[in-house]
Protein backbone atom coordinates (compact mmCIF):
# COMPACT_ATOMS: atom_id res chain seq x y z
CA MET A 1 2.45 5.67 0.29
CA ASN A 2 2.33 8.10 3.19
CA ALA A 3 -1.22 9.14 2.40
CA ARG A 4 -2.35 5.64 3.36
CA MET A 5 -2.07 6.89 6.92
CA VAL A 6 -5.58 8.26 6.51
CA ILE A 7 -7.12 4.85 5.90
CA PHE A 8 -6.03 3.31 9.14
CA ALA A 9 -5.85 6.50 11.20
CA SER A 10 -9.56 6.82 10.50
CA VAL A 11 -10.22 3.21 11.48
CA ALA A 12 -8.07 3.50 14.58
CA LEU A 13 -9.86 6.64 15.70
CA SER A 14 -13.24 5.00 15.12
CA VAL A 15 -12.12 2.21 17.49
CA ALA A 16 -10.86 4.65 20.13
CA VAL A 17 -13.43 7.47 19.96
CA PRO A 18 -17.05 7.88 18.80
CA ILE A 19 -17.35 7.38 15.05
CA GLU A 20 -19.05 10.74 14.54
CA SER A 21 -16.00 12.49 15.99
CA SER A 22 -13.56 10.72 13.71
CA ARG A 23 -15.60 11.43 10.61
CA SER A 24 -15.94 15.10 11.45
CA GLN A 25 -12.20 15.59 11.27
CA GLY A 26 -12.05 14.81 7.58
CA PHE A 27 -9.12 13.23 5.76
CA ALA A 28 -6.43 15.84 6.45
CA GLY A 29 -7.23 16.24 10.15
CA LEU A 30 -6.94 12.59 11.14
CA GLY A 31 -4.00 11.90 13.41
CA ALA A 32 -3.06 15.56 13.70
CA ASN A 33 -1.92 15.20 17.32
CA VAL A 34 1.66 13.93 17.08
CA GLU A 35 2.90 15.11 20.48
CA GLY A 36 5.37 12.61 21.90
CA PHE A 37 5.72 10.61 18.68
CA ALA A 38 8.93 10.36 16.66
CA ILE A 39 9.12 12.37 13.43
CA PRO A 40 10.96 11.22 10.26
CA GLN A 41 14.27 13.00 9.73
CA ARG A 42 16.10 13.47 6.44
CA GLY A 43 19.45 11.69 6.48
CA HIS A 44 18.34 8.89 8.79
CA VAL A 45 19.77 5.57 7.59
CA LEU A 46 17.34 2.66 7.38
CA ALA A 47 18.66 -0.57 8.91
CA PHE A 48 17.62 -4.12 8.03
CA PRO A 49 16.30 -6.47 9.21
CA ALA A 50 15.25 -4.23 12.15
CA ASP A 51 13.19 -1.86 9.97
CA HIS A 52 11.08 -4.75 8.67
CA GLY A 53 9.59 -4.80 12.17
CA ALA A 54 7.27 -2.38 13.95
CA HIS A 55 8.20 1.15 15.04
CA PRO A 56 5.92 1.83 18.04
CA ASP A 57 7.38 5.30 18.68
CA PHE A 58 5.85 6.41 15.36
CA ARG A 59 2.12 6.93 15.10
CA ILE A 60 1.36 5.11 11.83
CA GLU A 61 2.81 2.22 9.85
CA TRP A 62 1.92 -0.45 7.28
CA TRP A 63 3.01 -3.60 5.48
CA TYR A 64 1.25 -3.52 2.09
CA VAL A 65 1.29 -6.12 -0.71
CA THR A 66 -0.52 -5.93 -4.04
CA ALA A 67 -0.34 -8.71 -6.65
CA ASN A 68 -1.25 -8.81 -10.34
CA LEU A 69 -2.20 -12.40 -11.09
CA GLU A 70 -3.13 -14.59 -14.04
CA GLY A 71 -5.15 -17.74 -13.43
CA GLU A 72 -4.80 -21.12 -15.08
CA ASP A 73 -8.15 -20.25 -16.68
CA GLY A 74 -6.47 -17.40 -18.59
CA ASN A 75 -8.26 -14.66 -16.62
CA ARG A 76 -6.62 -11.82 -14.71
CA TYR A 77 -7.01 -11.28 -10.97
CA GLY A 78 -5.70 -9.01 -8.24
CA ALA A 79 -4.87 -9.70 -4.61
CA GLN A 80 -4.19 -7.33 -1.70
CA TRP A 81 -2.81 -8.04 1.80
CA THR A 82 -2.35 -5.15 4.23
CA LEU A 83 -1.50 -4.79 7.89
CA PHE A 84 -1.79 -1.33 9.43
CA ARG A 85 -0.51 -0.23 12.85
CA SER A 86 -1.81 2.94 14.47
CA ALA A 87 -0.74 4.12 17.92
CA LEU A 88 -2.87 5.93 20.48
CA ALA A 89 0.37 6.77 22.33
CA PRO A 90 4.08 6.12 21.73
CA GLY A 91 5.62 2.81 22.75
CA ASP A 92 4.24 -0.65 23.37
CA ARG A 93 3.15 -2.49 26.52
CA GLN A 94 1.97 -5.93 27.48
CA GLY A 95 -1.72 -6.78 27.67
CA PHE A 96 -4.65 -4.50 26.97
CA GLN A 97 -2.70 -1.47 28.18
CA ASP A 98 -0.82 -1.58 24.86
CA PRO A 99 -1.63 1.58 22.84
CA GLN A 100 -1.17 -0.09 19.44
CA ILE A 101 -4.20 -0.77 17.21
CA TRP A 102 -3.85 -3.17 14.27
CA ILE A 103 -6.03 -3.28 11.16
CA GLY A 104 -5.93 -5.85 8.36
CA HIS A 105 -7.36 -5.52 4.84
CA ALA A 106 -7.48 -8.32 2.28
CA ALA A 107 -9.06 -8.46 -1.16
CA VAL A 108 -9.31 -10.43 -4.38
CA THR A 109 -10.40 -8.61 -7.53
CA THR A 110 -11.94 -10.22 -10.61
CA ASP A 111 -13.26 -8.54 -13.74
CA HIS A 112 -16.77 -8.56 -12.26
CA ARG A 113 -16.41 -8.61 -8.46
CA GLN A 114 -14.39 -7.26 -5.54
CA TYR A 115 -14.04 -9.61 -2.55
CA VAL A 116 -13.10 -7.68 0.61
CA ALA A 117 -12.39 -8.51 4.24
CA GLU A 118 -11.25 -6.48 7.25
CA ARG A 119 -9.82 -7.45 10.65
CA LEU A 120 -9.34 -5.27 13.75
CA GLY A 121 -7.03 -6.11 16.64
CA ARG A 122 -5.28 -4.74 19.71
CA GLY A 123 -1.59 -5.00 20.43
CA GLY A 124 -0.07 -6.57 23.52
CA VAL A 125 -2.15 -9.76 23.47
CA GLY A 126 -0.67 -11.63 20.50
CA GLN A 127 -3.66 -11.12 18.20
CA ALA A 128 -1.61 -9.10 15.72
CA GLY A 129 1.95 -7.96 15.31
CA VAL A 130 5.22 -8.10 13.40
CA VAL A 131 8.54 -9.82 14.10
CA ALA A 132 11.53 -8.44 12.17
CA ALA A 133 13.63 -11.63 11.95
CA PRO A 134 12.70 -14.19 10.92
CA PHE A 135 10.08 -11.93 9.41
CA GLU A 136 6.43 -12.50 10.21
CA ALA A 137 3.40 -10.18 10.16
CA TRP A 138 -0.04 -11.38 11.21
CA ILE A 139 -3.53 -10.50 12.37
CA ASP A 140 -5.58 -13.47 13.56
CA ASP A 141 -4.97 -16.21 10.96
CA TRP A 142 -3.86 -13.87 8.16
CA LYS A 143 -0.10 -14.15 7.73
CA MET A 144 2.81 -12.76 5.75
CA LYS A 145 5.97 -14.59 6.78
CA GLN A 146 9.46 -15.50 5.70
CA ALA A 147 9.24 -18.71 3.71
CA GLU A 148 12.73 -20.12 4.25
CA PRO A 149 15.94 -19.40 6.21
CA THR A 150 18.13 -16.72 4.66
CA THR A 151 21.13 -14.51 5.38
CA SER A 152 19.74 -11.73 3.17
CA HIS A 153 17.57 -8.91 4.49
CA ASP A 154 15.67 -8.22 1.23
CA LEU A 155 12.49 -10.13 2.20
CA GLU A 156 13.22 -12.24 -0.86
CA SER A 157 10.94 -15.19 0.00
CA LEU A 158 7.50 -14.73 1.59
CA GLN A 159 4.32 -16.70 2.10
CA LEU A 160 1.06 -14.74 2.06
CA SER A 161 -2.36 -15.94 3.18
CA ALA A 162 -5.74 -14.42 4.00
CA ASN A 163 -9.43 -15.21 3.78
CA GLY A 164 -12.85 -13.61 3.91
CA THR A 165 -16.44 -14.20 2.87
CA GLY A 166 -16.35 -16.05 -0.45
CA PHE A 167 -12.56 -16.00 -0.95
CA SER A 168 -9.16 -17.04 0.30
CA TYR A 169 -5.63 -17.15 -1.10
CA SER A 170 -2.23 -18.64 -0.43
CA LEU A 171 0.64 -17.10 -2.39
CA ASP A 172 4.40 -17.64 -2.55
CA LEU A 173 6.50 -14.55 -3.32
CA LYS A 174 10.08 -14.78 -4.63
CA ALA A 175 12.06 -11.57 -5.13
CA THR A 176 14.39 -11.24 -8.13
CA GLY A 177 15.93 -7.94 -7.00
CA ALA A 178 16.95 -5.98 -3.92
CA LEU A 179 14.91 -3.65 -1.72
CA VAL A 180 14.29 -0.14 -3.10
CA LEU A 181 14.55 3.00 -0.95
CA GLN A 182 11.93 5.53 -2.02
CA GLY A 183 12.46 9.30 -1.99
CA ASP A 184 15.81 10.49 -0.63
CA ARG A 185 17.37 7.22 0.62
CA GLY A 186 14.08 6.23 2.23
CA PHE A 187 12.94 9.72 3.31
CA SER A 188 9.78 10.37 1.24
CA VAL A 189 8.30 13.89 1.17
CA LYS A 190 4.52 14.14 0.74
CA SER A 191 3.74 17.88 0.69
CA ALA A 192 5.19 21.31 -0.02
CA GLU A 193 5.05 21.88 3.75
CA GLY A 194 7.47 19.01 4.27
CA GLN A 195 5.34 16.19 5.70
CA ALA A 196 7.30 13.00 5.17
CA SER A 197 7.63 9.30 5.95
CA TYR A 198 10.23 6.57 5.85
CA TYR A 199 9.39 4.46 2.80
CA TYR A 200 10.91 1.44 1.08
CA SER A 201 9.59 -1.19 -1.31
CA GLN A 202 10.25 -4.68 -2.63
CA PRO A 203 8.80 -4.40 -6.17
CA PHE A 204 10.49 -7.45 -7.72
CA TYR A 205 8.32 -10.35 -6.56
CA GLN A 206 7.34 -13.23 -8.80
CA VAL A 207 4.21 -14.96 -7.49
CA SER A 208 2.82 -18.47 -7.58
CA GLY A 209 0.04 -20.03 -5.57
CA ALA A 210 -3.73 -20.32 -5.53
CA ILE A 211 -6.89 -18.33 -4.93
CA ASP A 212 -10.22 -19.82 -3.90
CA LEU A 213 -13.43 -18.10 -4.98
CA GLY A 214 -16.63 -19.59 -3.69
CA GLY A 215 -15.01 -23.00 -3.20
CA ALA A 216 -13.40 -23.09 -6.66
CA LYS A 217 -9.62 -23.26 -6.27
CA LEU A 218 -7.50 -21.78 -9.05
CA LYS A 219 -3.74 -21.80 -9.56
CA VAL A 220 -2.26 -18.37 -10.26
CA THR A 221 1.06 -16.76 -11.19
CA GLY A 222 2.08 -13.13 -11.51
CA LYS A 223 3.94 -10.17 -10.03
CA ALA A 224 3.70 -8.52 -6.61
CA TRP A 225 4.87 -5.34 -4.90
CA LEU A 226 5.49 -4.77 -1.17
CA ASP A 227 5.41 -1.27 0.33
CA ARG A 228 6.70 -0.48 3.84
CA GLU A 229 6.14 2.92 5.37
CA TRP A 230 5.94 4.63 8.75
CA SER A 231 5.49 8.19 9.99
CA SER A 232 3.78 10.36 12.59
CA GLN A 233 2.74 13.26 10.39
CA PRO A 234 -0.72 13.89 8.95
CA LEU A 235 -1.29 15.22 5.49
CA ALA A 236 -1.16 18.95 4.88
CA SER A 237 -4.35 20.75 5.90
CA ASN A 238 -5.38 21.40 2.28
CA GLN A 239 -4.75 17.85 1.00
CA THR A 240 -7.99 15.94 0.38
CA GLY A 241 -6.88 12.58 -1.04
CA TRP A 242 -4.45 10.81 -3.30
CA ASP A 243 -3.94 8.69 -6.42
CA TRP A 244 -1.10 6.14 -6.12
CA PHE A 245 0.32 3.84 -8.80
CA SER A 246 2.71 0.90 -8.77
CA LEU A 247 3.63 -0.20 -12.29
CA HIS A 248 5.40 -3.32 -13.55
CA LEU A 249 6.74 -2.52 -17.05
CA ASN A 250 7.18 -5.33 -19.55
CA THR A 251 10.81 -4.17 -19.88
CA GLY A 252 11.43 -5.25 -16.28
CA ASP A 253 11.54 -1.67 -14.98
CA LYS A 254 9.14 -0.44 -12.28
CA VAL A 255 7.48 2.91 -11.57
CA MET A 256 6.03 4.21 -8.31
CA ALA A 257 4.06 7.44 -8.73
CA PHE A 258 1.55 9.39 -6.68
CA ARG A 259 -0.52 12.55 -6.77
CA LEU A 260 -1.71 14.13 -3.52
CA ARG A 261 -4.66 16.36 -4.35
CA ASP A 262 -5.15 19.77 -2.77
CA ASP A 263 -6.85 23.09 -3.56
CA LYS A 264 -4.01 24.03 -5.91
CA GLU A 265 -1.99 22.02 -8.43
CA GLY A 266 -1.39 19.10 -6.07
CA PHE A 267 1.82 17.41 -4.96
CA VAL A 268 3.25 14.73 -7.25
CA SER A 269 6.28 12.50 -7.01
CA ALA A 270 7.60 9.33 -8.61
CA ASN A 271 10.50 6.91 -8.72
CA TRP A 272 11.74 5.12 -11.84
CA ILE A 273 13.23 1.77 -10.81
CA SER A 274 15.34 0.00 -13.41
CA GLY A 275 15.41 -3.77 -13.69
CA ASP A 276 18.75 -3.87 -11.86
CA GLY A 277 17.36 -1.83 -8.96
CA HIS A 278 18.86 1.57 -9.85
CA THR A 279 16.46 4.37 -8.92
CA THR A 280 15.76 7.76 -10.51
CA PRO A 281 13.58 10.00 -8.29
CA LEU A 282 11.21 12.19 -10.30
CA SER A 283 9.72 15.53 -9.29
CA LYS A 284 6.56 17.35 -10.37
CA ASP A 285 8.43 18.79 -13.36
CA ASP A 286 9.19 15.27 -14.61
CA LEU A 287 5.72 13.78 -14.22
CA GLN A 288 2.17 14.31 -15.49
CA ILE A 289 -0.80 12.38 -14.08
CA GLN A 290 -4.23 13.11 -15.57
CA PRO A 291 -7.58 11.28 -15.38
CA VAL A 292 -9.08 10.28 -18.75
CA ARG A 293 -12.24 8.32 -17.80
CA ARG A 294 -14.65 8.45 -14.88
CA ALA A 295 -17.21 6.00 -13.52
CA LYS A 296 -19.85 5.76 -10.81
CA VAL A 297 -18.40 3.77 -7.91
CA ASP A 298 -20.45 3.24 -4.74
CA GLY A 299 -22.43 6.37 -5.59
CA ARG A 300 -19.30 8.42 -6.22
CA ASP A 301 -18.18 9.93 -9.51
CA MET A 302 -14.47 9.21 -9.68
CA PRO A 303 -11.67 8.64 -12.21
CA VAL A 304 -10.85 5.02 -13.04
CA ALA A 305 -8.51 5.41 -16.04
CA TRP A 306 -5.44 7.66 -16.18
CA ARG A 307 -2.75 8.99 -18.49
CA ILE A 308 0.76 9.04 -17.02
CA LYS A 309 3.60 10.82 -18.80
CA ILE A 310 7.32 10.90 -17.92
CA PRO A 311 8.85 12.72 -20.90
CA ALA A 312 12.48 12.16 -19.86
CA LYS A 313 11.87 8.40 -20.09
CA SER A 314 9.70 8.62 -23.26
CA PHE A 315 6.97 7.14 -21.09
CA ASP A 316 3.39 7.93 -22.10
CA VAL A 317 0.76 5.37 -21.13
CA THR A 318 -2.95 5.11 -20.39
CA THR A 319 -4.13 2.84 -17.60
CA ALA A 320 -7.30 0.74 -17.52
CA PRO A 321 -8.72 -1.05 -14.46
CA LEU A 322 -9.54 -4.75 -14.41
CA ASN A 323 -12.76 -3.76 -12.65
CA ASP A 324 -14.16 -0.23 -12.41
CA GLN A 325 -15.82 -1.25 -9.14
CA SER A 326 -12.64 -2.15 -7.23
CA TRP A 327 -14.09 -0.64 -4.07
CA MET A 328 -12.73 -1.51 -0.63
CA ALA A 329 -15.91 -1.39 1.48
CA THR A 330 -13.97 -1.27 4.75
CA SER A 331 -14.44 0.96 7.82
CA THR A 332 -12.80 3.74 5.85
CA PRO A 333 -13.63 2.91 2.20
CA TYR A 334 -11.31 3.53 -0.75
CA TRP A 335 -10.64 2.31 -4.31
CA GLU A 336 -7.86 -0.23 -4.83
CA GLY A 337 -7.44 -2.66 -7.70
CA PRO A 338 -5.30 -4.07 -10.49
CA ILE A 339 -4.74 -2.14 -13.70
CA GLU A 340 -3.01 -2.64 -17.03
CA PHE A 341 -1.49 0.06 -19.23
CA GLU A 342 -0.57 0.59 -22.85
CA GLY A 343 1.14 3.28 -24.90
CA SER A 344 4.85 3.85 -25.33
CA MET A 345 5.27 0.89 -22.95
CA SER A 346 2.92 -1.72 -21.52
CA GLY A 347 2.46 -3.72 -18.36
CA VAL A 348 0.35 -4.23 -15.27
CA GLY A 349 0.13 -2.60 -11.87
CA TYR A 350 -2.07 -1.38 -9.06
CA LEU A 351 -3.97 1.85 -8.39
CA GLU A 352 -5.18 3.21 -5.08
CA MET A 353 -7.45 6.26 -4.74
CA THR A 354 -8.97 7.95 -1.70
CA GLY A 355 -10.86 11.12 -0.89
CA TYR A 356 -13.43 11.03 -3.69
């Protein structure tokens, strides 16, 4: 979601300027200087495959995959693969004059441990980047790439790989549905003041492959969700963090929902995605997101279980994390991990939380 800008804007600033300066700006202030960068416009039509690639005239961008997995041992796992792009100036150039900074995050979650790795790279030298067609995104040896030739532009077949201390994974993703445009045909509003991004998803992946934990290789299957988003706008000045959910319902439907916290009632939004890809955008009047259980995480008191209600869809569920301690101990830390939910419907998904 658009609020993810803060994660890699913070990292990018810490690369470019003294770390004390970047921290002093706080979440909402990061990336506030957007002079010269393109701004998302309502009514703009997304175009594929071009929009699978990078948009260097925008300040911030990401390619973000989360996967709910079940191992051959019967246990549940989660996997994350993320590539962030943050620009110090608009445009791209060859060599070390390129203003693009790239950041990679990878993780595997078990019921008792969170494995995390981070990579930093500069643009212009081949260390990291994205090619729109045939699609490939990479940083060092971490890759997300098109698995086979295709005439479709729905990113329907991907290979995903990453590694870090104590873990690695190699996953095959096969989409069973089309791309989903979030918000108003891909224009996703994030605040009452109108901050917005371009945002689309591929939430219909079936997954197969393997994870390796401490040298023990395990076959896995499951479901995955890809988010693609780019913008140049920071959060509103009073927004302090966010809670973001991607939900795979056992009915085959999907739900994307988020709550951006501020000093008032917050800004919430959601999208109900039917199994055939039809979308129903939901506003704050259609959606209720409330924490129901808290835990100590890295010295922070924060919510880890939630109740989500969408009355118009008779949807009333309570989420539970696979691991309360799904903490991403990266340059800018945040909580991200797999969840399951029960109530009027059931399923699995992912939760991301920042600003606590």
